[in-house]
């Protein structure tokens, strides 16, 4: 818990249940982060997941199970939809 003083000196508490639930939608998995868009989304997810509950909704190709696992290791809930043909 983080405590901070208000203008009248009273302490306020910031609790862990104040985490935001954030949905990030991406046209593809941002892994491996080796190109501009992937690097940006990967870093967004990594940093947001430290303090919020983050879900990534993205398309998945049949051979991308390892990529999904890697993004989940960032602390992100990954929900995928098969990419339309």
N, C-alpha and C. Protein backbone atom coordinates (compact mmCIF):
# COMPACT_ATOMS: atom_id res chain seq x y z
N UNK A 1 0.82 -1.18 0.00
CA UNK A 1 0.00 0.00 0.00
C UNK A 1 0.87 1.25 0.00
N UNK A 2 0.42 2.23 -0.72
CA UNK A 2 1.14 3.49 -0.80
C UNK A 2 0.34 4.53 -0.03
N UNK A 3 1.02 5.26 0.80
CA UNK A 3 0.35 6.29 1.59
C UNK A 3 0.84 7.65 1.12
N UNK A 4 -0.08 8.60 1.02
CA UNK A 4 0.30 9.95 0.65
C UNK A 4 -0.52 10.94 1.46
N UNK A 5 0.03 12.11 1.70
CA UNK A 5 -0.66 13.12 2.50
C UNK A 5 -1.49 14.01 1.60
N UNK A 6 -2.66 14.39 2.07
CA UNK A 6 -3.51 15.33 1.33
C UNK A 6 -3.21 16.74 1.81
N UNK A 7 -3.89 17.72 1.25
CA UNK A 7 -3.63 19.12 1.59
C UNK A 7 -3.90 19.43 3.06
N UNK A 8 -4.79 18.66 3.73
CA UNK A 8 -5.06 18.93 5.14
C UNK A 8 -4.25 18.03 6.07
N UNK A 9 -3.29 17.27 5.51
CA UNK A 9 -2.41 16.44 6.32
C UNK A 9 -2.93 15.03 6.56
N UNK A 10 -4.16 14.72 6.15
CA UNK A 10 -4.69 13.37 6.35
C UNK A 10 -4.05 12.41 5.36
N UNK A 11 -3.80 11.21 5.81
CA UNK A 11 -3.18 10.20 4.95
C UNK A 11 -4.25 9.47 4.15
N UNK A 12 -3.96 9.19 2.89
CA UNK A 12 -4.84 8.38 2.06
C UNK A 12 -4.09 7.12 1.67
N UNK A 13 -4.81 6.08 1.38
CA UNK A 13 -4.21 4.80 1.04
C UNK A 13 -4.56 4.43 -0.40
N UNK A 14 -3.58 3.95 -1.15
CA UNK A 14 -3.81 3.41 -2.48
C UNK A 14 -3.69 1.90 -2.36
N UNK A 15 -4.73 1.17 -2.65
CA UNK A 15 -4.75 -0.27 -2.44
C UNK A 15 -4.53 -1.02 -3.75
N UNK A 16 -4.08 -2.27 -3.61
CA UNK A 16 -3.81 -3.08 -4.78
C UNK A 16 -5.08 -3.38 -5.57
N UNK A 17 -6.27 -3.29 -4.95
CA UNK A 17 -7.49 -3.54 -5.70
C UNK A 17 -7.86 -2.35 -6.59
N UNK A 18 -7.04 -1.31 -6.59
CA UNK A 18 -7.26 -0.16 -7.46
C UNK A 18 -6.65 -0.37 -8.85
N UNK A 19 -6.19 -1.59 -9.13
CA UNK A 19 -5.60 -1.88 -10.43
C UNK A 19 -6.65 -1.72 -11.53
N UNK A 20 -6.22 -1.17 -12.64
CA UNK A 20 -7.10 -1.04 -13.80
C UNK A 20 -7.11 -2.34 -14.58
N UNK A 21 -8.22 -2.62 -15.24
CA UNK A 21 -8.29 -3.74 -16.17
C UNK A 21 -8.18 -3.14 -17.57
N UNK A 22 -7.10 -3.48 -18.27
CA UNK A 22 -6.79 -2.85 -19.56
C UNK A 22 -6.83 -3.90 -20.66
N UNK A 23 -7.54 -3.60 -21.74
CA UNK A 23 -7.58 -4.45 -22.92
C UNK A 23 -6.76 -3.79 -24.01
N UNK A 24 -5.77 -4.52 -24.52
CA UNK A 24 -4.95 -4.05 -25.63
C UNK A 24 -5.29 -4.94 -26.83
N UNK A 25 -5.64 -4.31 -27.95
CA UNK A 25 -5.92 -5.06 -29.17
C UNK A 25 -4.80 -4.81 -30.17
N UNK A 26 -4.32 -5.89 -30.77
CA UNK A 26 -3.20 -5.79 -31.71
C UNK A 26 -3.49 -6.71 -32.89
N UNK A 27 -3.09 -6.31 -34.10
CA UNK A 27 -3.32 -7.16 -35.26
C UNK A 27 -2.42 -8.40 -35.30
N UNK A 28 -1.41 -8.43 -34.44
CA UNK A 28 -0.51 -9.58 -34.39
C UNK A 28 0.21 -9.64 -33.06
N UNK A 29 0.78 -10.79 -32.76
CA UNK A 29 1.52 -10.96 -31.51
C UNK A 29 2.80 -10.12 -31.55
N UNK A 30 3.07 -9.36 -30.50
CA UNK A 30 4.26 -8.51 -30.49
C UNK A 30 5.49 -9.26 -30.00
N UNK A 31 5.70 -10.45 -30.53
CA UNK A 31 6.84 -11.25 -30.12
C UNK A 31 7.34 -12.05 -31.31
N UNK A 32 8.62 -12.14 -31.54
CA UNK A 32 9.68 -11.46 -30.79
C UNK A 32 9.69 -9.96 -31.11
N UNK A 33 10.07 -9.15 -30.13
CA UNK A 33 10.06 -7.69 -30.35
C UNK A 33 11.27 -7.23 -31.16
N UNK A 34 11.20 -7.47 -32.48
CA UNK A 34 12.35 -7.16 -33.34
C UNK A 34 12.01 -6.13 -34.42
N UNK A 35 10.80 -5.58 -34.39
CA UNK A 35 10.42 -4.54 -35.34
C UNK A 35 9.69 -3.45 -34.57
N UNK A 36 9.61 -2.27 -35.12
CA UNK A 36 9.10 -1.10 -34.42
C UNK A 36 7.79 -1.29 -33.69
N UNK A 37 6.75 -1.74 -34.40
CA UNK A 37 5.44 -1.90 -33.78
C UNK A 37 5.48 -2.96 -32.69
N UNK A 38 6.13 -4.08 -32.96
CA UNK A 38 6.23 -5.16 -31.97
C UNK A 38 6.96 -4.73 -30.72
N UNK A 39 8.04 -3.98 -30.89
CA UNK A 39 8.80 -3.48 -29.74
C UNK A 39 7.92 -2.56 -28.90
N UNK A 40 7.22 -1.66 -29.55
CA UNK A 40 6.38 -0.70 -28.83
C UNK A 40 5.26 -1.40 -28.05
N UNK A 41 4.54 -2.31 -28.69
CA UNK A 41 3.45 -3.02 -28.01
C UNK A 41 3.99 -3.90 -26.90
N UNK A 42 5.10 -4.58 -27.15
CA UNK A 42 5.71 -5.45 -26.14
C UNK A 42 6.08 -4.64 -24.90
N UNK A 43 6.68 -3.49 -25.08
CA UNK A 43 7.07 -2.65 -23.94
C UNK A 43 5.84 -2.09 -23.23
N UNK A 44 4.83 -1.68 -23.98
CA UNK A 44 3.56 -1.24 -23.40
C UNK A 44 3.01 -2.32 -22.46
N UNK A 45 2.91 -3.54 -22.99
CA UNK A 45 2.37 -4.66 -22.22
C UNK A 45 3.20 -4.92 -20.97
N UNK A 46 4.50 -4.97 -21.13
CA UNK A 46 5.40 -5.27 -20.01
C UNK A 46 5.26 -4.24 -18.90
N UNK A 47 5.25 -2.97 -19.26
CA UNK A 47 5.17 -1.92 -18.25
C UNK A 47 3.78 -1.82 -17.62
N UNK A 48 2.74 -1.94 -18.41
CA UNK A 48 1.38 -1.87 -17.86
C UNK A 48 1.09 -3.05 -16.94
N UNK A 49 1.58 -4.24 -17.30
CA UNK A 49 1.31 -5.45 -16.51
C UNK A 49 1.94 -5.39 -15.13
N UNK A 50 2.90 -4.53 -14.93
CA UNK A 50 3.52 -4.39 -13.60
C UNK A 50 2.52 -3.86 -12.57
N UNK A 51 1.60 -3.00 -13.01
CA UNK A 51 0.71 -2.34 -12.05
C UNK A 51 -0.78 -2.50 -12.37
N UNK A 52 -1.11 -3.13 -13.50
CA UNK A 52 -2.51 -3.28 -13.88
C UNK A 52 -2.74 -4.70 -14.40
N UNK A 53 -4.01 -5.07 -14.53
CA UNK A 53 -4.39 -6.35 -15.11
C UNK A 53 -4.58 -6.12 -16.61
N UNK A 54 -3.71 -6.71 -17.41
CA UNK A 54 -3.68 -6.44 -18.85
C UNK A 54 -4.07 -7.69 -19.63
N UNK A 55 -4.95 -7.51 -20.59
CA UNK A 55 -5.34 -8.58 -21.51
C UNK A 55 -5.00 -8.13 -22.92
N UNK A 56 -4.36 -9.02 -23.67
CA UNK A 56 -4.05 -8.77 -25.08
C UNK A 56 -5.01 -9.60 -25.93
N UNK A 57 -5.73 -8.95 -26.84
CA UNK A 57 -6.59 -9.62 -27.80
C UNK A 57 -5.93 -9.47 -29.16
N UNK A 58 -5.62 -10.60 -29.80
CA UNK A 58 -4.87 -10.55 -31.05
C UNK A 58 -5.18 -11.76 -31.92
N UNK A 59 -4.84 -11.63 -33.19
CA UNK A 59 -4.90 -12.77 -34.09
C UNK A 59 -3.73 -13.70 -33.82
N UNK A 60 -3.94 -14.99 -34.11
CA UNK A 60 -2.87 -15.97 -33.95
C UNK A 60 -2.81 -16.89 -35.16
N UNK A 61 -1.60 -17.13 -35.62
CA UNK A 61 -1.36 -18.11 -36.67
C UNK A 61 -1.23 -19.48 -36.02
N UNK A 62 -1.41 -20.57 -36.77
CA UNK A 62 -1.35 -21.91 -36.18
C UNK A 62 -0.01 -22.24 -35.49
N UNK A 63 1.08 -21.66 -35.92
CA UNK A 63 2.40 -22.02 -35.38
C UNK A 63 2.93 -21.02 -34.34
N UNK A 64 2.07 -20.25 -33.68
CA UNK A 64 2.53 -19.19 -32.79
C UNK A 64 2.32 -19.48 -31.30
N UNK A 65 2.18 -20.73 -30.91
CA UNK A 65 1.95 -21.08 -29.50
C UNK A 65 3.11 -20.62 -28.62
N UNK A 66 4.34 -20.73 -29.10
CA UNK A 66 5.50 -20.30 -28.31
C UNK A 66 5.48 -18.78 -28.10
N UNK A 67 5.03 -18.05 -29.10
CA UNK A 67 4.95 -16.59 -28.98
C UNK A 67 3.90 -16.20 -27.94
N UNK A 68 2.78 -16.90 -27.93
CA UNK A 68 1.73 -16.64 -26.94
C UNK A 68 2.29 -16.87 -25.53
N UNK A 69 3.01 -17.96 -25.35
CA UNK A 69 3.61 -18.28 -24.06
C UNK A 69 4.59 -17.19 -23.63
N UNK A 70 5.39 -16.70 -24.55
CA UNK A 70 6.37 -15.65 -24.23
C UNK A 70 5.68 -14.37 -23.78
N UNK A 71 4.58 -14.00 -24.42
CA UNK A 71 3.86 -12.79 -24.02
C UNK A 71 3.19 -13.00 -22.66
N UNK A 72 2.69 -14.20 -22.42
CA UNK A 72 2.07 -14.49 -21.11
C UNK A 72 3.09 -14.38 -19.98
N UNK A 73 4.35 -14.66 -20.27
CA UNK A 73 5.39 -14.56 -19.25
C UNK A 73 5.64 -13.11 -18.82
N UNK A 74 5.12 -12.15 -19.58
CA UNK A 74 5.20 -10.74 -19.19
C UNK A 74 4.16 -10.40 -18.13
N UNK A 75 3.27 -11.35 -17.82
CA UNK A 75 2.20 -11.10 -16.87
C UNK A 75 0.92 -10.65 -17.55
N UNK A 76 0.81 -10.95 -18.83
CA UNK A 76 -0.33 -10.51 -19.64
C UNK A 76 -1.22 -11.72 -19.94
N UNK A 77 -2.54 -11.53 -19.80
CA UNK A 77 -3.50 -12.55 -20.22
C UNK A 77 -3.66 -12.40 -21.72
N UNK A 78 -3.37 -13.45 -22.47
CA UNK A 78 -3.42 -13.39 -23.93
C UNK A 78 -4.64 -14.17 -24.42
N UNK A 79 -5.50 -13.50 -25.17
CA UNK A 79 -6.66 -14.11 -25.78
C UNK A 79 -6.47 -14.00 -27.30
N UNK A 80 -6.55 -15.12 -27.98
CA UNK A 80 -6.30 -15.11 -29.42
C UNK A 80 -7.55 -15.53 -30.22
N UNK A 81 -7.55 -15.08 -31.44
CA UNK A 81 -8.59 -15.42 -32.42
C UNK A 81 -7.84 -15.92 -33.65
N UNK A 82 -8.27 -17.05 -34.24
CA UNK A 82 -7.59 -17.50 -35.46
C UNK A 82 -7.68 -16.43 -36.55
N UNK A 83 -6.55 -16.21 -37.22
CA UNK A 83 -6.52 -15.20 -38.28
C UNK A 83 -7.36 -15.71 -39.45
N UNK A 84 -8.27 -14.86 -39.96
CA UNK A 84 -9.09 -15.29 -41.11
C UNK A 84 -8.22 -15.46 -42.36
N UNK A 85 -8.65 -16.35 -43.20
CA UNK A 85 -7.88 -16.63 -44.41
C UNK A 85 -8.37 -15.82 -45.56
